Amino acid sequence: MCQIHIAQSEADDVAMADRAYDTAQKAVEALRAQADELIAEVMAELRFNLRKRDTPNRRRIIRTYGATYSYLAGEPVDAGDAAVEAEASAEPEA
């Protein structure tokens, strides 16, 4: 009989945690547009302030803020771009 009460209590805890999670997700969703706007503003300011630097240096600095870049086929890779160099070395040779 005691195990039934424990199981019911744990089930109630899960339901409450699930409701709390849903509430938190709705709060985050409500802030999404504001966060996206702020990110866009920061990136625009970074690009403006770095506009006179060479492209590889500008990319390196902006990457420290979490931006990612993808190279087009045949496009030269920035010197020291470890992520791209690691991908290239992991590709099997034909």
PDB file of N, CA and C in Angstrom:
ATOM      1  N   MET A   1       0.817  -1.190   0.000  1.00  0.00           N
ATOM      2  CA  MET A   1       0.000   0.000   0.000  1.00  0.00           C
ATOM      3  C   MET A   1       0.865   1.259   0.000  1.00  0.00           C
ATOM      4  N   CYS A   2       1.957   1.239   0.699  1.00  0.00           N
ATOM      5  CA  CYS A   2       2.848   2.393   0.786  1.00  0.00           C
ATOM      6  C   CYS A   2       3.455   2.714  -0.578  1.00  0.00           C
ATOM      7  N   GLN A   3       3.777   1.698  -1.365  1.00  0.00           N
ATOM      8  CA  GLN A   3       4.366   1.911  -2.684  1.00  0.00           C
ATOM      9  C   GLN A   3       3.393   2.614  -3.629  1.00  0.00           C
ATOM     10  N   ILE A   4       2.106   2.346  -3.469  1.00  0.00           N
ATOM     11  CA  ILE A   4       1.104   3.002  -4.290  1.00  0.00           C
ATOM     12  C   ILE A   4       1.094   4.503  -4.009  1.00  0.00           C
ATOM     13  N   HIS A   5       1.201   4.876  -2.740  1.00  0.00           N
ATOM     14  CA  HIS A   5       1.216   6.300  -2.378  1.00  0.00           C
ATOM     15  C   HIS A   5       2.481   6.986  -2.904  1.00  0.00           C
ATOM     16  N   ILE A   6       3.593   6.276  -2.825  1.00  0.00           N
ATOM     17  CA  ILE A   6       4.850   6.829  -3.338  1.00  0.00           C
ATOM     18  C   ILE A   6       4.751   7.043  -4.846  1.00  0.00           C
ATOM     19  N   ALA A   7       4.219   6.040  -5.543  1.00  0.00           N
ATOM     20  CA  ALA A   7       4.073   6.137  -6.997  1.00  0.00           C
ATOM     21  C   ALA A   7       3.140   7.281  -7.372  1.00  0.00           C
ATOM     22  N   GLN A   8       2.040   7.429  -6.652  1.00  0.00           N
ATOM     23  CA  GLN A   8       1.091   8.507  -6.943  1.00  0.00           C
ATOM     24  C   GLN A   8       1.731   9.874  -6.690  1.00  0.00           C
ATOM     25  N   SER A   9       2.504   9.969  -5.626  1.00  0.00           N
ATOM     26  CA  SER A   9       3.191  11.215  -5.306  1.00  0.00           C
ATOM     27  C   SER A   9       4.194  11.580  -6.402  1.00  0.00           C
ATOM     28  N   GLU A  10       4.937  10.591  -6.881  1.00  0.00           N
ATOM     29  CA  GLU A  10       5.902  10.835  -7.950  1.00  0.00           C
ATOM     30  C   GLU A  10       5.203  11.217  -9.253  1.00  0.00           C
ATOM     31  N   ALA A  11       4.071  10.591  -9.529  1.00  0.00           N
ATOM     32  CA  ALA A  11       3.308  10.940 -10.726  1.00  0.00           C
ATOM     33  C   ALA A  11       2.809  12.382 -10.631  1.00  0.00           C
ATOM     34  N   ASP A  12       2.369  12.791  -9.466  1.00  0.00           N
ATOM     35  CA  ASP A  12       1.932  14.173  -9.265  1.00  0.00           C
ATOM     36  C   ASP A  12       3.084  15.146  -9.470  1.00  0.00           C
ATOM     37  N   ASP A  13       4.287  14.760  -8.996  1.00  0.00           N
ATOM     38  CA  ASP A  13       5.471  15.607  -9.172  1.00  0.00           C
ATOM     39  C   ASP A  13       5.785  15.797 -10.655  1.00  0.00           C
ATOM     40  N   VAL A  14       5.647  14.721 -11.429  1.00  0.00           N
ATOM     41  CA  VAL A  14       5.921  14.801 -12.867  1.00  0.00           C
ATOM     42  C   VAL A  14       4.930  15.738 -13.539  1.00  0.00           C
ATOM     43  N   ALA A  15       3.673  15.622 -13.172  1.00  0.00           N
ATOM     44  CA  ALA A  15       2.655  16.490 -13.771  1.00  0.00           C
ATOM     45  C   ALA A  15       2.925  17.960 -13.445  1.00  0.00           C
ATOM     46  N   MET A  16       3.302  18.242 -12.215  1.00  0.00           N
ATOM     47  CA  MET A  16       3.598  19.634 -11.829  1.00  0.00           C
ATOM     48  C   MET A  16       4.837  20.142 -12.572  1.00  0.00           C
ATOM     49  N   ALA A  17       5.850  19.300 -12.692  1.00  0.00           N
ATOM     50  CA  ALA A  17       7.065  19.700 -13.399  1.00  0.00           C
ATOM     51  C   ALA A  17       6.759  19.939 -14.878  1.00  0.00           C
ATOM     52  N   ASP A  18       5.887  19.119 -15.448  1.00  0.00           N
ATOM     53  CA  ASP A  18       5.505  19.277 -16.850  1.00  0.00           C
ATOM     54  C   ASP A  18       4.780  20.607 -17.065  1.00  0.00           C
ATOM     55  N   ARG A  19       3.891  20.960 -16.164  1.00  0.00           N
ATOM     56  CA  ARG A  19       3.187  22.244 -16.260  1.00  0.00           C
ATOM     57  C   ARG A  19       4.169  23.408 -16.103  1.00  0.00           C
ATOM     58  N   ALA A  20       5.098  23.275 -15.172  1.00  0.00           N
ATOM     59  CA  ALA A  20       6.093  24.336 -14.965  1.00  0.00           C
ATOM     60  C   ALA A  20       6.964  24.505 -16.210  1.00  0.00           C
ATOM     61  N   TYR A  21       7.327  23.394 -16.835  1.00  0.00           N
ATOM     62  CA  TYR A  21       8.130  23.431 -18.064  1.00  0.00           C
ATOM     63  C   TYR A  21       7.354  24.136 -19.176  1.00  0.00           C
ATOM     64  N   ASP A  22       6.082  23.790 -19.342  1.00  0.00           N
ATOM     65  CA  ASP A  22       5.259  24.435 -20.373  1.00  0.00           C
ATOM     66  C   ASP A  22       5.158  25.935 -20.144  1.00  0.00           C
ATOM     67  N   THR A  23       4.990  26.341 -18.895  1.00  0.00           N
ATOM     68  CA  THR A  23       4.912  27.761 -18.561  1.00  0.00           C
ATOM     69  C   THR A  23       6.228  28.464 -18.889  1.00  0.00           C
ATOM     70  N   ALA A  24       7.334  27.831 -18.549  1.00  0.00           N
ATOM     71  CA  ALA A  24       8.645  28.422 -18.843  1.00  0.00           C
ATOM     72  C   ALA A  24       8.870  28.525 -20.348  1.00  0.00           C
ATOM     73  N   GLN A  25       8.462  27.518 -21.100  1.00  0.00           N
ATOM     74  CA  GLN A  25       8.624  27.547 -22.557  1.00  0.00           C
ATOM     75  C   GLN A  25       7.810  28.692 -23.168  1.00  0.00           C
ATOM     76  N   LYS A  26       6.621  28.928 -22.655  1.00  0.00           N
ATOM     77  CA  LYS A  26       5.798  30.029 -23.155  1.00  0.00           C
ATOM     78  C   LYS A  26       6.454  31.381 -22.855  1.00  0.00           C
ATOM     79  N   ALA A  27       7.071  31.485 -21.689  1.00  0.00           N
ATOM     80  CA  ALA A  27       7.759  32.732 -21.335  1.00  0.00           C
ATOM     81  C   ALA A  27       8.947  32.973 -22.260  1.00  0.00           C
ATOM     82  N   VAL A  28       9.693  31.915 -22.559  1.00  0.00           N
ATOM     83  CA  VAL A  28      10.836  32.034 -23.465  1.00  0.00           C
ATOM     84  C   VAL A  28      10.356  32.387 -24.869  1.00  0.00           C
ATOM     85  N   GLU A  29       9.292  31.740 -25.300  1.00  0.00           N
ATOM     86  CA  GLU A  29       8.730  32.012 -26.625  1.00  0.00           C
ATOM     87  C   GLU A  29       8.309  33.476 -26.753  1.00  0.00           C
ATOM     88  N   ALA A  30       7.773  34.031 -25.692  1.00  0.00           N
ATOM     89  CA  ALA A  30       7.332  35.427 -25.711  1.00  0.00           C
ATOM     90  C   ALA A  30       8.508  36.383 -25.879  1.00  0.00           C
ATOM     91  N   LEU A  31       9.685  35.970 -25.447  1.00  0.00           N
ATOM     92  CA  LEU A  31      10.877  36.827 -25.538  1.00  0.00           C
ATOM     93  C   LEU A  31      11.672  36.600 -26.814  1.00  0.00           C
ATOM     94  N   ARG A  32      11.297  35.624 -27.611  1.00  0.00           N
ATOM     95  CA  ARG A  32      12.075  35.238 -28.786  1.00  0.00           C
ATOM     96  C   ARG A  32      12.274  36.398 -29.760  1.00  0.00           C
ATOM     97  N   ALA A  33      11.210  37.093 -30.088  1.00  0.00           N
ATOM     98  CA  ALA A  33      11.318  38.202 -31.046  1.00  0.00           C
ATOM     99  C   ALA A  33      12.251  39.290 -30.527  1.00  0.00           C
ATOM    100  N   GLN A  34      12.157  39.589 -29.246  1.00  0.00           N
ATOM    101  CA  GLN A  34      13.022  40.609 -28.643  1.00  0.00           C
ATOM    102  C   GLN A  34      14.480  40.149 -28.679  1.00  0.00           C
ATOM    103  N   ALA A  35      14.730  38.892 -28.382  1.00  0.00           N
ATOM    104  CA  ALA A  35      16.093  38.355 -28.408  1.00  0.00           C
ATOM    105  C   ALA A  35      16.645  38.367 -29.825  1.00  0.00           C
ATOM    106  N   ASP A  36      15.839  37.968 -30.805  1.00  0.00           N
ATOM    107  CA  ASP A  36      16.287  37.986 -32.200  1.00  0.00           C
ATOM    108  C   ASP A  36      16.643  39.393 -32.649  1.00  0.00           C
ATOM    109  N   GLU A  37      15.841  40.356 -32.238  1.00  0.00           N
ATOM    110  CA  GLU A  37      16.116  41.753 -32.595  1.00  0.00           C
ATOM    111  C   GLU A  37      17.428  42.236 -31.969  1.00  0.00           C
ATOM    112  N   LEU A  38      17.649  41.877 -30.711  1.00  0.00           N
ATOM    113  CA  LEU A  38      18.877  42.267 -30.029  1.00  0.00           C
ATOM    114  C   LEU A  38      20.100  41.624 -30.692  1.00  0.00           C
ATOM    115  N   ILE A  39      19.996  40.355 -31.051  1.00  0.00           N
ATOM    116  CA  ILE A  39      21.098  39.665 -31.728  1.00  0.00           C
ATOM    117  C   ILE A  39      21.402  40.355 -33.057  1.00  0.00           C
ATOM    118  N   ALA A  40      20.369  40.695 -33.811  1.00  0.00           N
ATOM    119  CA  ALA A  40      20.564  41.373 -35.093  1.00  0.00           C
ATOM    120  C   ALA A  40      21.252  42.727 -34.909  1.00  0.00           C
ATOM    121  N   GLU A  41      20.863  43.457 -33.875  1.00  0.00           N
ATOM    122  CA  GLU A  41      21.483  44.758 -33.597  1.00  0.00           C
ATOM    123  C   GLU A  41      22.958  44.601 -33.237  1.00  0.00           C
ATOM    124  N   VAL A  42      23.274  43.624 -32.392  1.00  0.00           N
ATOM    125  CA  VAL A  42      24.661  43.396 -31.996  1.00  0.00           C
ATOM    126  C   VAL A  42      25.503  43.005 -33.206  1.00  0.00           C
ATOM    127  N   MET A  43      24.979  42.106 -34.036  1.00  0.00           N
ATOM    128  CA  MET A  43      25.738  41.682 -35.212  1.00  0.00           C
ATOM    129  C   MET A  43      25.937  42.839 -36.187  1.00  0.00           C
ATOM    130  N   ALA A  44      24.929  43.677 -36.358  1.00  0.00           N
ATOM    131  CA  ALA A  44      25.070  44.835 -37.249  1.00  0.00           C
ATOM    132  C   ALA A  44      26.137  45.795 -36.720  1.00  0.00           C
ATOM    133  N   GLU A  45      26.148  45.999 -35.421  1.00  0.00           N
ATOM    134  CA  GLU A  45      27.156  46.881 -34.827  1.00  0.00           C
ATOM    135  C   GLU A  45      28.560  46.287 -34.974  1.00  0.00           C
ATOM    136  N   LEU A  46      28.673  44.988 -34.767  1.00  0.00           N
ATOM    137  CA  LEU A  46      29.968  44.332 -34.950  1.00  0.00           C
ATOM    138  C   LEU A  46      30.453  44.487 -36.381  1.00  0.00           C
ATOM    139  N   ARG A  47      29.573  44.204 -37.327  1.00  0.00           N
ATOM    140  CA  ARG A  47      29.968  44.315 -38.737  1.00  0.00           C
ATOM    141  C   ARG A  47      30.393  45.749 -39.068  1.00  0.00           C
ATOM    142  N   PHE A  48      29.674  46.727 -38.546  1.00  0.00           N
ATOM    143  CA  PHE A  48      30.017  48.119 -38.812  1.00  0.00           C
ATOM    144  C   PHE A  48      31.390  48.461 -38.223  1.00  0.00           C
ATOM    145  N   ASN A  49      31.610  48.079 -36.972  1.00  0.00           N
ATOM    146  CA  ASN A  49      32.867  48.420 -36.307  1.00  0.00           C
ATOM    147  C   ASN A  49      34.063  47.670 -36.876  1.00  0.00           C
ATOM    148  N   LEU A  50      33.823  46.543 -37.508  1.00  0.00           N
ATOM    149  CA  LEU A  50      34.920  45.753 -38.071  1.00  0.00           C
ATOM    150  C   LEU A  50      35.052  45.927 -39.582  1.00  0.00           C
ATOM    151  N   ARG A  51      34.316  46.830 -40.171  1.00  0.00           N
ATOM    152  CA  ARG A  51      34.225  46.959 -41.620  1.00  0.00           C
ATOM    153  C   ARG A  51      35.563  47.226 -42.294  1.00  0.00           C
ATOM    154  N   LYS A  52      36.510  47.843 -41.590  1.00  0.00           N
ATOM    155  CA  LYS A  52      37.785  48.191 -42.209  1.00  0.00           C
ATOM    156  C   LYS A  52      38.842  47.096 -42.049  1.00  0.00           C
ATOM    157  N   ARG A  53      38.500  46.036 -41.370  1.00  0.00           N
ATOM    158  CA  ARG A  53      39.441  44.929 -41.199  1.00  0.00           C
ATOM    159  C   ARG A  53      39.316  43.966 -42.368  1.00  0.00           C
ATOM    160  N   ASP A  54      40.356  43.174 -42.573  1.00  0.00           N
ATOM    161  CA  ASP A  54      40.284  42.197 -43.652  1.00  0.00           C
ATOM    162  C   ASP A  54      39.286  41.093 -43.287  1.00  0.00           C
ATOM    163  N   THR A  55      38.762  40.446 -44.306  1.00  0.00           N
ATOM    164  CA  THR A  55      37.681  39.475 -44.122  1.00  0.00           C
ATOM    165  C   THR A  55      38.034  38.351 -43.150  1.00  0.00           C
ATOM    166  N   PRO A  56      39.195  37.688 -43.260  1.00  0.00           N
ATOM    167  CA  PRO A  56      39.490  36.610 -42.314  1.00  0.00           C
ATOM    168  C   PRO A  56      39.527  37.094 -40.857  1.00  0.00           C
ATOM    169  N   ASN A  57      40.094  38.270 -40.623  1.00  0.00           N
ATOM    170  CA  ASN A  57      40.163  38.823 -39.273  1.00  0.00           C
ATOM    171  C   ASN A  57      38.764  39.148 -38.762  1.00  0.00           C
ATOM    172  N   ARG A  58      37.952  39.737 -39.632  1.00  0.00           N
ATOM    173  CA  ARG A  58      36.575  40.084 -39.272  1.00  0.00           C
ATOM    174  C   ARG A  58      35.793  38.812 -38.908  1.00  0.00           C
ATOM    175  N   ARG A  59      35.929  37.748 -39.702  1.00  0.00           N
ATOM    176  CA  ARG A  59      35.243  36.489 -39.409  1.00  0.00           C
ATOM    177  C   ARG A  59      35.721  35.885 -38.091  1.00  0.00           C
ATOM    178  N   ARG A  60      37.031  35.944 -37.859  1.00  0.00           N
ATOM    179  CA  ARG A  60      37.584  35.377 -36.629  1.00  0.00           C
ATOM    180  C   ARG A  60      36.991  36.065 -35.403  1.00  0.00           C
ATOM    181  N   ILE A  61      36.916  37.379 -35.444  1.00  0.00           N
ATOM    182  CA  ILE A  61      36.370  38.135 -34.307  1.00  0.00           C
ATOM    183  C   ILE A  61      34.882  37.837 -34.127  1.00  0.00           C
ATOM    184  N   ILE A  62      34.140  37.854 -35.213  1.00  0.00           N
ATOM    185  CA  ILE A  62      32.698  37.626 -35.111  1.00  0.00           C
ATOM    186  C   ILE A  62      32.392  36.199 -34.662  1.00  0.00           C
ATOM    187  N   ARG A  63      33.258  35.248 -35.000  1.00  0.00           N
ATOM    188  CA  ARG A  63      33.060  33.870 -34.526  1.00  0.00           C
ATOM    189  C   ARG A  63      33.100  33.794 -33.002  1.00  0.00           C
ATOM    190  N   THR A  64      33.875  34.670 -32.363  1.00  0.00           N
ATOM    191  CA  THR A  64      33.937  34.634 -30.896  1.00  0.00           C
ATOM    192  C   THR A  64      32.597  35.009 -30.270  1.00  0.00           C
ATOM    193  N   TYR A  65      31.715  35.617 -31.068  1.00  0.00           N
ATOM    194  CA  TYR A  65      30.373  35.949 -30.601  1.00  0.00           C
ATOM    195  C   TYR A  65      29.362  34.859 -30.963  1.00  0.00           C
ATOM    196  N   GLY A  66      29.829  33.766 -31.533  1.00  0.00           N
ATOM    197  CA  GLY A  66      28.957  32.635 -31.825  1.00  0.00           C
ATOM    198  C   GLY A  66      28.512  32.509 -33.264  1.00  0.00           C
ATOM    199  N   ALA A  67      28.923  33.405 -34.131  1.00  0.00           N
ATOM    200  CA  ALA A  67      28.536  33.306 -35.536  1.00  0.00           C
ATOM    201  C   ALA A  67      29.273  32.150 -36.192  1.00  0.00           C
ATOM    202  N   THR A  68      28.651  31.555 -37.181  1.00  0.00           N
ATOM    203  CA  THR A  68      29.300  30.493 -37.949  1.00  0.00           C
ATOM    204  C   THR A  68      29.300  30.893 -39.423  1.00  0.00           C
ATOM    205  N   TYR A  69      30.288  30.426 -40.142  1.00  0.00           N
ATOM    206  CA  TYR A  69      30.413  30.709 -41.561  1.00  0.00           C
ATOM    207  C   TYR A  69      30.578  29.394 -42.300  1.00  0.00           C
ATOM    208  N   SER A  70      30.006  29.335 -43.481  1.00  0.00           N
ATOM    209  CA  SER A  70      30.168  28.175 -44.358  1.00  0.00           C
ATOM    210  C   SER A  70      30.830  28.665 -45.635  1.00  0.00           C
ATOM    211  N   TYR A  71      31.766  27.892 -46.118  1.00  0.00           N
ATOM    212  CA  TYR A  71      32.458  28.255 -47.347  1.00  0.00           C
ATOM    213  C   TYR A  71      31.749  27.609 -48.528  1.00  0.00           C
ATOM    214  N   LEU A  72      31.713  28.324 -49.642  1.00  0.00           N
ATOM    215  CA  LEU A  72      31.174  27.767 -50.872  1.00  0.00           C
ATOM    216  C   LEU A  72      32.207  26.838 -51.480  1.00  0.00           C
ATOM    217  N   ALA A  73      31.763  25.928 -52.306  1.00  0.00           N
ATOM    218  CA  ALA A  73      32.686  25.007 -52.979  1.00  0.00           C
ATOM    219  C   ALA A  73      33.714  25.816 -53.765  1.00  0.00           C
ATOM    220  N   GLY A  74      34.969  25.534 -53.532  1.00  0.00           N
ATOM    221  CA  GLY A  74      36.041  26.215 -54.234  1.00  0.00           C
ATOM    222  C   GLY A  74      36.469  27.537 -53.624  1.00  0.00           C
ATOM    223  N   GLU A  75      35.743  28.020 -52.628  1.00  0.00           N
ATOM    224  CA  GLU A  75      36.100  29.282 -51.977  1.00  0.00           C
ATOM    225  C   GLU A  75      37.317  29.054 -51.082  1.00  0.00           C
ATOM    226  N   PRO A  76      38.289  29.975 -51.093  1.00  0.00           N
ATOM    227  CA  PRO A  76      39.458  29.795 -50.236  1.00  0.00           C
ATOM    228  C   PRO A  76      39.083  29.865 -48.755  1.00  0.00           C
ATOM    229  N   VAL A  77      39.679  28.975 -47.984  1.00  0.00           N
ATOM    230  CA  VAL A  77      39.413  28.908 -46.544  1.00  0.00           C
ATOM    231  C   VAL A  77      40.344  29.881 -45.832  1.00  0.00           C
ATOM    232  N   ASP A  78      39.812  30.592 -44.827  1.00  0.00           N
ATOM    233  CA  ASP A  78      40.628  31.512 -44.043  1.00  0.00           C
ATOM    234  C   ASP A  78      41.760  30.746 -43.369  1.00  0.00           C
ATOM    235  N   ALA A  79      42.945  31.326 -43.362  1.00  0.00           N
ATOM    236  CA  ALA A  79      44.083  30.711 -42.686  1.00  0.00           C
ATOM    237  C   ALA A  79      43.752  30.528 -41.213  1.00  0.00           C
ATOM    238  N   GLY A  80      44.019  29.347 -40.708  1.00  0.00           N
ATOM    239  CA  GLY A  80      43.794  29.084 -39.294  1.00  0.00           C
ATOM    240  C   GLY A  80      42.358  28.741 -38.947  1.00  0.00           C
ATOM    241  N   ASP A  81      41.502  28.529 -39.945  1.00  0.00           N
ATOM    242  CA  ASP A  81      40.119  28.153 -39.664  1.00  0.00           C
ATOM    243  C   ASP A  81      40.099  26.675 -39.302  1.00  0.00           C
ATOM    244  N   ALA A  82      40.278  26.402 -38.009  1.00  0.00           N
ATOM    245  CA  ALA A  82      40.440  25.032 -37.523  1.00  0.00           C
ATOM    246  C   ALA A  82      39.218  24.170 -37.809  1.00  0.00           C
ATOM    247  N   ALA A  83      38.026  24.711 -37.707  1.00  0.00           N
ATOM    248  CA  ALA A  83      36.808  23.923 -37.924  1.00  0.00           C
ATOM    249  C   ALA A  83      36.755  23.397 -39.350  1.00  0.00           C
ATOM    250  N   VAL A  84      37.085  24.246 -40.320  1.00  0.00           N
ATOM    251  CA  VAL A  84      37.049  23.826 -41.716  1.00  0.00           C
ATOM    252  C   VAL A  84      38.193  22.877 -42.010  1.00  0.00           C
ATOM    253  N   GLU A  85      39.365  23.148 -41.441  1.00  0.00           N
ATOM    254  CA  GLU A  85      40.505  22.263 -41.656  1.00  0.00           C
ATOM    255  C   GLU A  85      40.234  20.880 -41.090  1.00  0.00           C
ATOM    256  N   ALA A  86      39.563  20.815 -39.939  1.00  0.00           N
ATOM    257  CA  ALA A  86      39.225  19.523 -39.337  1.00  0.00           C
ATOM    258  C   ALA A  86      38.235  18.764 -40.211  1.00  0.00           C
ATOM    259  N   GLU A  87      37.253  19.466 -40.779  1.00  0.00           N
ATOM    260  CA  GLU A  87      36.285  18.825 -41.670  1.00  0.00           C
ATOM    261  C   GLU A  87      36.974  18.299 -42.915  1.00  0.00           C
ATOM    262  N   ALA A  88      37.883  19.088 -43.466  1.00  0.00           N
ATOM    263  CA  ALA A  88      38.570  18.682 -44.684  1.00  0.00           C
ATOM    264  C   ALA A  88      39.434  17.435 -44.442  1.00  0.00           C
ATOM    265  N   SER A  89      40.079  17.373 -43.283  1.00  0.00           N
ATOM    266  CA  SER A  89      40.923  16.220 -42.998  1.00  0.00           C
ATOM    267  C   SER A  89      40.094  14.985 -42.660  1.00  0.00           C
ATOM    268  N   ALA A  90      38.832  15.173 -42.257  1.00  0.00           N
ATOM    269  CA  ALA A  90      37.976  14.043 -41.921  1.00  0.00           C
ATOM    270  C   ALA A  90      37.297  13.443 -43.152  1.00  0.00           C
ATOM    271  N   GLU A  91      37.254  14.190 -44.260  1.00  0.00           N
ATOM    272  CA  GLU A  91      36.622  13.686 -45.486  1.00  0.00           C
ATOM    273  C   GLU A  91      37.492  12.609 -46.116  1.00  0.00           C
ATOM    274  N   PRO A  92      36.874  11.497 -46.555  1.00  0.00           N
ATOM    275  CA  PRO A  92      37.664  10.453 -47.209  1.00  0.00           C
ATOM    276  C   PRO A  92      38.123  10.909 -48.575  1.00  0.00           C
ATOM    277  N   GLU A  93      39.307  10.475 -48.942  1.00  0.00           N
ATOM    278  CA  GLU A  93      39.845  10.850 -50.252  1.00  0.00           C
ATOM    279  C   GLU A  93      39.213   9.985 -51.324  1.00  0.00           C
ATOM    280  N   ALA A  94      38.998  10.564 -52.494  1.00  0.00           N
ATOM    281  CA  ALA A  94      38.365   9.816 -53.595  1.00  0.00           C
ATOM    282  C   ALA A  94      39.370   9.058 -54.400  1.00  0.00           C
TER     283      ALA A  94
END
